[in-house]
C-alpha atoms as a PDB file:
ATOM      1  CA  SER A   1      38.850 -18.403  14.972  1.00  0.00           C
ATOM      2  CA  LEU A   2      36.683 -19.755  17.762  1.00  0.00           C
ATOM      3  CA  VAL A   3      33.904 -17.247  17.036  1.00  0.00           C
ATOM      4  CA  ALA A   4      33.808 -18.056  13.308  1.00  0.00           C
ATOM      5  CA  SER A   5      33.801 -21.807  13.913  1.00  0.00           C
ATOM      6  CA  THR A   6      31.050 -21.470  16.509  1.00  0.00           C
ATOM      7  CA  PHE A   7      28.840 -19.462  14.117  1.00  0.00           C
ATOM      8  CA  ALA A   8      29.589 -21.813  11.219  1.00  0.00           C
ATOM      9  CA  SER A   9      28.751 -24.887  13.280  1.00  0.00           C
ATOM     10  CA  ALA A  10      25.522 -23.268  14.370  1.00  0.00           C
ATOM     11  CA  GLY A  11      24.585 -22.663  10.725  1.00  0.00           C
ATOM     12  CA  ALA A  12      24.679 -18.882  11.118  1.00  0.00           C
ATOM     13  CA  LEU A  13      26.871 -18.436   8.050  1.00  0.00           C
ATOM     14  CA  ALA A  14      25.091 -20.999   5.895  1.00  0.00           C
ATOM     15  CA  ALA A  15      22.980 -18.362   4.109  1.00  0.00           C
ATOM     16  CA  PRO A  16      23.640 -14.741   3.262  1.00  0.00           C
ATOM     17  CA  PRO A  17      22.219 -12.271   5.798  1.00  0.00           C
ATOM     18  CA  TRP A  18      19.655 -10.971   3.312  1.00  0.00           C
ATOM     19  CA  ALA A  19      18.178 -14.386   2.590  1.00  0.00           C
ATOM     20  CA  LEU A  20      14.443 -14.528   3.138  1.00  0.00           C
ATOM     21  CA  ALA A  21      14.315 -18.303   3.554  1.00  0.00           C
ATOM     22  CA  GLY A  22      15.116 -18.195   7.275  1.00  0.00           C
ATOM     23  CA  ARG A  23      12.982 -15.153   7.939  1.00  0.00           C
ATOM     24  CA  ASP A  24      10.114 -15.450  10.382  1.00  0.00           C
ATOM     25  CA  PRO A  25       6.988 -14.693   8.267  1.00  0.00           C
ATOM     26  CA  SER A  26       5.378 -12.843  11.196  1.00  0.00           C
ATOM     27  CA  PHE A  27       7.894 -10.034  10.594  1.00  0.00           C
ATOM     28  CA  ASP A  28       6.234  -9.307   7.262  1.00  0.00           C
ATOM     29  CA  ARG A  29       2.971  -8.194   8.875  1.00  0.00           C
ATOM     30  CA  ILE A  30       4.298  -6.164  11.810  1.00  0.00           C
ATOM     31  CA  ALA A  31       5.107  -2.865  10.139  1.00  0.00           C
ATOM     32  CA  THR A  32       2.496  -3.224   7.420  1.00  0.00           C
ATOM     33  CA  GLU A  33      -0.309  -3.007   9.933  1.00  0.00           C
ATOM     34  CA  ALA A  34      -1.964   0.245   9.024  1.00  0.00           C
ATOM     35  CA  PRO A  35      -3.053   2.434  11.934  1.00  0.00           C
ATOM     36  CA  PRO A  36      -6.796   2.607  12.563  1.00  0.00           C
ATOM     37  CA  PRO A  37      -8.424   5.633  10.915  1.00  0.00           C
ATOM     38  CA  ARG A  38      -9.191   8.662  13.033  1.00  0.00           C
ATOM     39  CA  ASP A  39     -12.712  10.069  13.099  1.00  0.00           C
ATOM     40  CA  GLY A  40     -13.738  11.062   9.579  1.00  0.00           C
ATOM     41  CA  GLU A  41     -10.530   9.680   8.082  1.00  0.00           C
ATOM     42  CA  ALA A  42     -10.528   7.138   5.265  1.00  0.00           C
ATOM     43  CA  PRO A  43      -8.915   3.782   6.084  1.00  0.00           C
ATOM     44  CA  PHE A  44      -6.044   2.176   4.183  1.00  0.00           C
ATOM     45  CA  VAL A  45      -7.167  -0.143   1.401  1.00  0.00           C
ATOM     46  CA  GLU A  46      -5.228  -3.372   0.860  1.00  0.00           C
ATOM     47  CA  LEU A  47      -4.575  -4.254  -2.772  1.00  0.00           C
ATOM     48  CA  PRO A  48      -4.396  -7.895  -3.948  1.00  0.00           C
ATOM     49  CA  SER A  49      -0.571  -7.610  -3.945  1.00  0.00           C
ATOM     50  CA  GLY A  50      -0.549  -6.828  -0.198  1.00  0.00           C
ATOM     51  CA  VAL A  51       0.318  -3.172  -0.751  1.00  0.00           C
ATOM     52  CA  LYS A  52      -1.791  -0.768   1.333  1.00  0.00           C
ATOM     53  CA  VAL A  53      -2.849   2.628   0.003  1.00  0.00           C
ATOM     54  CA  LYS A  54      -4.557   5.663   1.408  1.00  0.00           C
ATOM     55  CA  ASN A  55      -5.497   8.742  -0.568  1.00  0.00           C
ATOM     56  CA  MET A  56      -4.303  11.744   1.405  1.00  0.00           C
ATOM     57  CA  LYS A  57      -5.343  14.506  -1.012  1.00  0.00           C
ATOM     58  CA  ALA A  58      -7.274  14.418  -4.228  1.00  0.00           C
ATOM     59  CA  GLY A  59      -6.056  16.401  -7.194  1.00  0.00           C
ATOM     60  CA  PRO A  60      -8.428  18.071  -9.651  1.00  0.00           C
ATOM     61  CA  GLY A  61      -9.599  14.601 -10.796  1.00  0.00           C
ATOM     62  CA  VAL A  62      -9.199  15.290 -14.490  1.00  0.00           C
ATOM     63  CA  GLY A  63      -6.874  13.862 -17.085  1.00  0.00           C
ATOM     64  CA  ASP A  64      -5.290  10.480 -17.494  1.00  0.00           C
ATOM     65  CA  ALA A  65      -4.696   8.050 -14.660  1.00  0.00           C
ATOM     66  CA  VAL A  66      -1.417   6.304 -13.857  1.00  0.00           C
ATOM     67  CA  GLU A  67      -1.274   2.928 -15.587  1.00  0.00           C
ATOM     68  CA  ALA A  68       1.382   0.536 -16.881  1.00  0.00           C
ATOM     69  CA  GLY A  69       3.339   1.951 -19.794  1.00  0.00           C
ATOM     70  CA  ARG A  70       2.699   5.591 -18.908  1.00  0.00           C
ATOM     71  CA  SER A  71       5.506   8.007 -18.085  1.00  0.00           C
ATOM     72  CA  VAL A  72       4.952   9.757 -14.752  1.00  0.00           C
ATOM     73  CA  THR A  73       6.694  12.573 -12.921  1.00  0.00           C
ATOM     74  CA  VAL A  74       6.326  12.462  -9.145  1.00  0.00           C
ATOM     75  CA  GLU A  75       7.533  14.034  -5.943  1.00  0.00           C
ATOM     76  CA  MET A  76       7.900  11.596  -3.071  1.00  0.00           C
ATOM     77  CA  THR A  77       9.471  10.612   0.186  1.00  0.00           C
ATOM     78  CA  ALA A  78      10.345   7.077   1.283  1.00  0.00           C
ATOM     79  CA  ALA A  79      10.701   5.937   4.884  1.00  0.00           C
ATOM     80  CA  ALA A  80      11.710   2.688   6.586  1.00  0.00           C
ATOM     81  CA  LEU A  81       8.895   1.794   8.958  1.00  0.00           C
ATOM     82  CA  ASN A  82      11.109  -0.592  10.938  1.00  0.00           C
ATOM     83  CA  LEU A  83      13.422   2.319  11.778  1.00  0.00           C
ATOM     84  CA  ASN A  84      10.649   4.445  13.313  1.00  0.00           C
ATOM     85  CA  GLY A  85       9.861   6.045   9.979  1.00  0.00           C
ATOM     86  CA  LYS A  86      13.450   7.063   9.143  1.00  0.00           C
ATOM     87  CA  ARG A  87      13.271   8.846   5.803  1.00  0.00           C
ATOM     88  CA  PHE A  88      15.891   7.533   3.388  1.00  0.00           C
ATOM     89  CA  PHE A  89      14.766   9.182   0.147  1.00  0.00           C
ATOM     90  CA  THR A  90      13.144  12.422  -0.927  1.00  0.00           C
ATOM     91  CA  THR A  91      12.806  14.202  -4.234  1.00  0.00           C
ATOM     92  CA  LYS A  92      13.640  17.472  -2.500  1.00  0.00           C
ATOM     93  CA  LEU A  93      17.240  18.614  -2.589  1.00  0.00           C
ATOM     94  CA  LYS A  94      19.016  19.705   0.610  1.00  0.00           C
ATOM     95  CA  ASP A  95      18.056  23.340  -0.067  1.00  0.00           C
ATOM     96  CA  GLY A  96      14.366  22.328  -0.380  1.00  0.00           C
ATOM     97  CA  THR A  97      14.232  22.664  -4.165  1.00  0.00           C
ATOM     98  CA  PRO A  98      12.029  19.979  -5.744  1.00  0.00           C
ATOM     99  CA  ASP A  99      13.842  17.466  -7.948  1.00  0.00           C
ATOM    100  CA  PRO A 100      10.971  15.341  -9.327  1.00  0.00           C
ATOM    101  CA  LEU A 101      11.503  11.756 -10.412  1.00  0.00           C
ATOM    102  CA  THR A 102      10.318  10.659 -13.873  1.00  0.00           C
ATOM    103  CA  PHE A 103       9.901   7.006 -14.866  1.00  0.00           C
ATOM    104  CA  ARG A 104       7.796   4.691 -16.997  1.00  0.00           C
ATOM    105  CA  VAL A 105       5.394   2.580 -14.924  1.00  0.00           C
ATOM    106  CA  GLY A 106       6.062  -1.129 -15.359  1.00  0.00           C
ATOM    107  CA  ASP A 107       9.548  -0.918 -16.868  1.00  0.00           C
ATOM    108  CA  GLY A 108      11.065  -2.817 -13.910  1.00  0.00           C
ATOM    109  CA  ARG A 109      13.170   0.052 -12.533  1.00  0.00           C
ATOM    110  CA  MET A 110      10.959   1.085  -9.612  1.00  0.00           C
ATOM    111  CA  VAL A 111       9.998  -0.781  -6.447  1.00  0.00           C
ATOM    112  CA  PRO A 112       7.137  -3.038  -7.661  1.00  0.00           C
ATOM    113  CA  GLY A 113       4.813  -2.227  -4.748  1.00  0.00           C
ATOM    114  CA  LEU A 114       5.283   1.505  -5.296  1.00  0.00           C
ATOM    115  CA  GLU A 115       4.027   1.094  -8.856  1.00  0.00           C
ATOM    116  CA  ASP A 116       1.150  -1.118  -7.634  1.00  0.00           C
ATOM    117  CA  GLY A 117       0.085   1.622  -5.233  1.00  0.00           C
ATOM    118  CA  MET A 118       0.277   4.390  -7.820  1.00  0.00           C
ATOM    119  CA  ILE A 119      -2.062   2.768 -10.355  1.00  0.00           C
ATOM    120  CA  GLY A 120      -5.175   4.925 -10.757  1.00  0.00           C
ATOM    121  CA  MET A 121      -3.659   8.136  -9.380  1.00  0.00           C
ATOM    122  CA  ARG A 122      -4.233  11.350 -11.345  1.00  0.00           C
ATOM    123  CA  LYS A 123      -2.262  14.579 -11.590  1.00  0.00           C
ATOM    124  CA  GLY A 124      -2.216  16.341  -8.214  1.00  0.00           C
ATOM    125  CA  ASP A 125      -3.239  13.275  -6.189  1.00  0.00           C
ATOM    126  CA  VAL A 126      -1.274  12.544  -3.022  1.00  0.00           C
ATOM    127  CA  ARG A 127      -1.243   8.953  -1.788  1.00  0.00           C
ATOM    128  CA  ARG A 128       0.420   7.152   1.114  1.00  0.00           C
ATOM    129  CA  ILE A 129       1.608   3.688   0.088  1.00  0.00           C
ATOM    130  CA  ILE A 130       2.778   0.950   2.491  1.00  0.00           C
ATOM    131  CA  VAL A 131       4.877  -1.596   0.609  1.00  0.00           C
ATOM    132  CA  PRO A 132       5.567  -4.981   2.261  1.00  0.00           C
ATOM    133  CA  PRO A 133       9.006  -6.596   1.789  1.00  0.00           C
ATOM    134  CA  ALA A 134       7.747  -9.040  -0.845  1.00  0.00           C
ATOM    135  CA  ARG A 135       6.767  -6.125  -3.141  1.00  0.00           C
ATOM    136  CA  GLY A 136       9.509  -3.742  -2.015  1.00  0.00           C
ATOM    137  CA  TYR A 137      13.260  -3.675  -2.307  1.00  0.00           C
ATOM    138  CA  LEU A 138      13.317  -7.390  -1.427  1.00  0.00           C
ATOM    139  CA  ALA A 139      10.854  -8.329  -4.191  1.00  0.00           C
ATOM    140  CA  GLN A 140      13.375 -10.607  -5.890  1.00  0.00           C
ATOM    141  CA  GLY A 141      14.671 -11.963  -2.576  1.00  0.00           C
ATOM    142  CA  ARG A 142      17.807  -9.820  -2.578  1.00  0.00           C
ATOM    143  CA  PRO A 143      18.557  -6.272  -1.452  1.00  0.00           C
ATOM    144  CA  ASP A 144      20.837  -5.506  -4.393  1.00  0.00           C
ATOM    145  CA  THR A 145      18.207  -5.573  -7.137  1.00  0.00           C
ATOM    146  CA  GLY A 146      18.810  -1.913  -7.908  1.00  0.00           C
ATOM    147  CA  PHE A 147      15.187  -0.861  -7.638  1.00  0.00           C
ATOM    148  CA  SER A 148      14.601   2.887  -7.556  1.00  0.00           C
ATOM    149  CA  PRO A 149      14.301   5.154  -5.760  1.00  0.00           C
ATOM    150  CA  GLN A 150      17.743   4.795  -4.199  1.00  0.00           C
ATOM    151  CA  PRO A 151      19.032   6.955  -1.327  1.00  0.00           C
ATOM    152  CA  ARG A 152      21.064   9.961  -2.433  1.00  0.00           C
ATOM    153  CA  ASP A 153      23.672   9.961   0.326  1.00  0.00           C
ATOM    154  CA  PHE A 154      25.737   7.528   2.358  1.00  0.00           C
ATOM    155  CA  LEU A 155      23.824   7.809   5.659  1.00  0.00           C
ATOM    156  CA  ASP A 156      20.457   7.282   3.995  1.00  0.00           C
ATOM    157  CA  GLN A 157      21.881   4.279   2.118  1.00  0.00           C
ATOM    158  CA  GLN A 158      23.104   2.843   5.428  1.00  0.00           C
ATOM    159  CA  ALA A 159      19.598   3.227   6.887  1.00  0.00           C
ATOM    160  CA  LEU A 160      18.039   1.365   3.965  1.00  0.00           C
ATOM    161  CA  ASP A 161      20.751  -1.318   4.007  1.00  0.00           C
ATOM    162  CA  SER A 162      20.208  -1.878   7.732  1.00  0.00           C
ATOM    163  CA  ILE A 163      16.709  -3.199   7.046  1.00  0.00           C
ATOM    164  CA  LEU A 164      17.410  -4.916   3.759  1.00  0.00           C
ATOM    165  CA  LYS A 165      20.499  -6.838   4.797  1.00  0.00           C
ATOM    166  CA  ASN A 166      19.247  -7.878   8.230  1.00  0.00           C
ATOM    167  CA  PRO A 167      16.815 -10.821   8.114  1.00  0.00           C
ATOM    168  CA  ASN A 168      15.523  -9.907  11.579  1.00  0.00           C
ATOM    169  CA  ARG A 169      14.268  -6.522  10.407  1.00  0.00           C
ATOM    170  CA  ASP A 170      11.068  -5.911   8.511  1.00  0.00           C
ATOM    171  CA  GLY A 171      11.774  -4.335   5.098  1.00  0.00           C
ATOM    172  CA  THR A 172       8.416  -2.569   4.883  1.00  0.00           C
ATOM    173  CA  VAL A 173       8.651   0.860   3.281  1.00  0.00           C
ATOM    174  CA  LEU A 174       6.249   3.787   3.338  1.00  0.00           C
ATOM    175  CA  PHE A 175       6.027   6.122   0.344  1.00  0.00           C
ATOM    176  CA  ASP A 176       4.217   9.455   0.202  1.00  0.00           C
ATOM    177  CA  VAL A 177       3.710  10.246  -3.490  1.00  0.00           C
ATOM    178  CA  ARG A 178       2.320  13.244  -5.381  1.00  0.00           C
ATOM    179  CA  VAL A 179       1.793  12.896  -9.123  1.00  0.00           C
ATOM    180  CA  ASP A 180       2.954  15.980 -11.017  1.00  0.00           C
ATOM    181  CA  ARG A 181       2.606  14.766 -14.598  1.00  0.00           C
ATOM    182  CA  ILE A 182       1.352  11.786 -16.581  1.00  0.00           C
ATOM    183  CA  ARG A 183       2.286  11.251 -20.232  1.00  0.00           C
END
């Protein structure tokens, strides 16, 4: 067709839509810009990986800390910052019942930046974690890496896919995490 040949000749179909190679690097900093702290509020801290963290509530401060190799149980929400904070994952079921997520830190299943941001948390801590695309679902350059957490329904999956499969959208994700258990 005329449309297909026009796009092909323009190079639009030369790379898959999720390819990072043609992505404008300025997109990667737009949504990751943490808001300035309000009076008396702690600022976000940027980790060497580019992940930004902010402790929202301290737990009792006792017990083991999250570290690689430990099994953790958490409650969390995940939101796409590029979609005005559209939440695409929560550990709460539709009726509001908690359905915590348990995983081993560093086993490769979870979004790498989420794990980066959780290191050092203790039971009861609540932390906000801003994960840039390079440490998020696009960490291996593709949106189909299977990193968890994954949306639980079709509409939430569409919201996540709309940022991951569109090179003109920033894939920055915000997680709010509470640690329930560390083993």
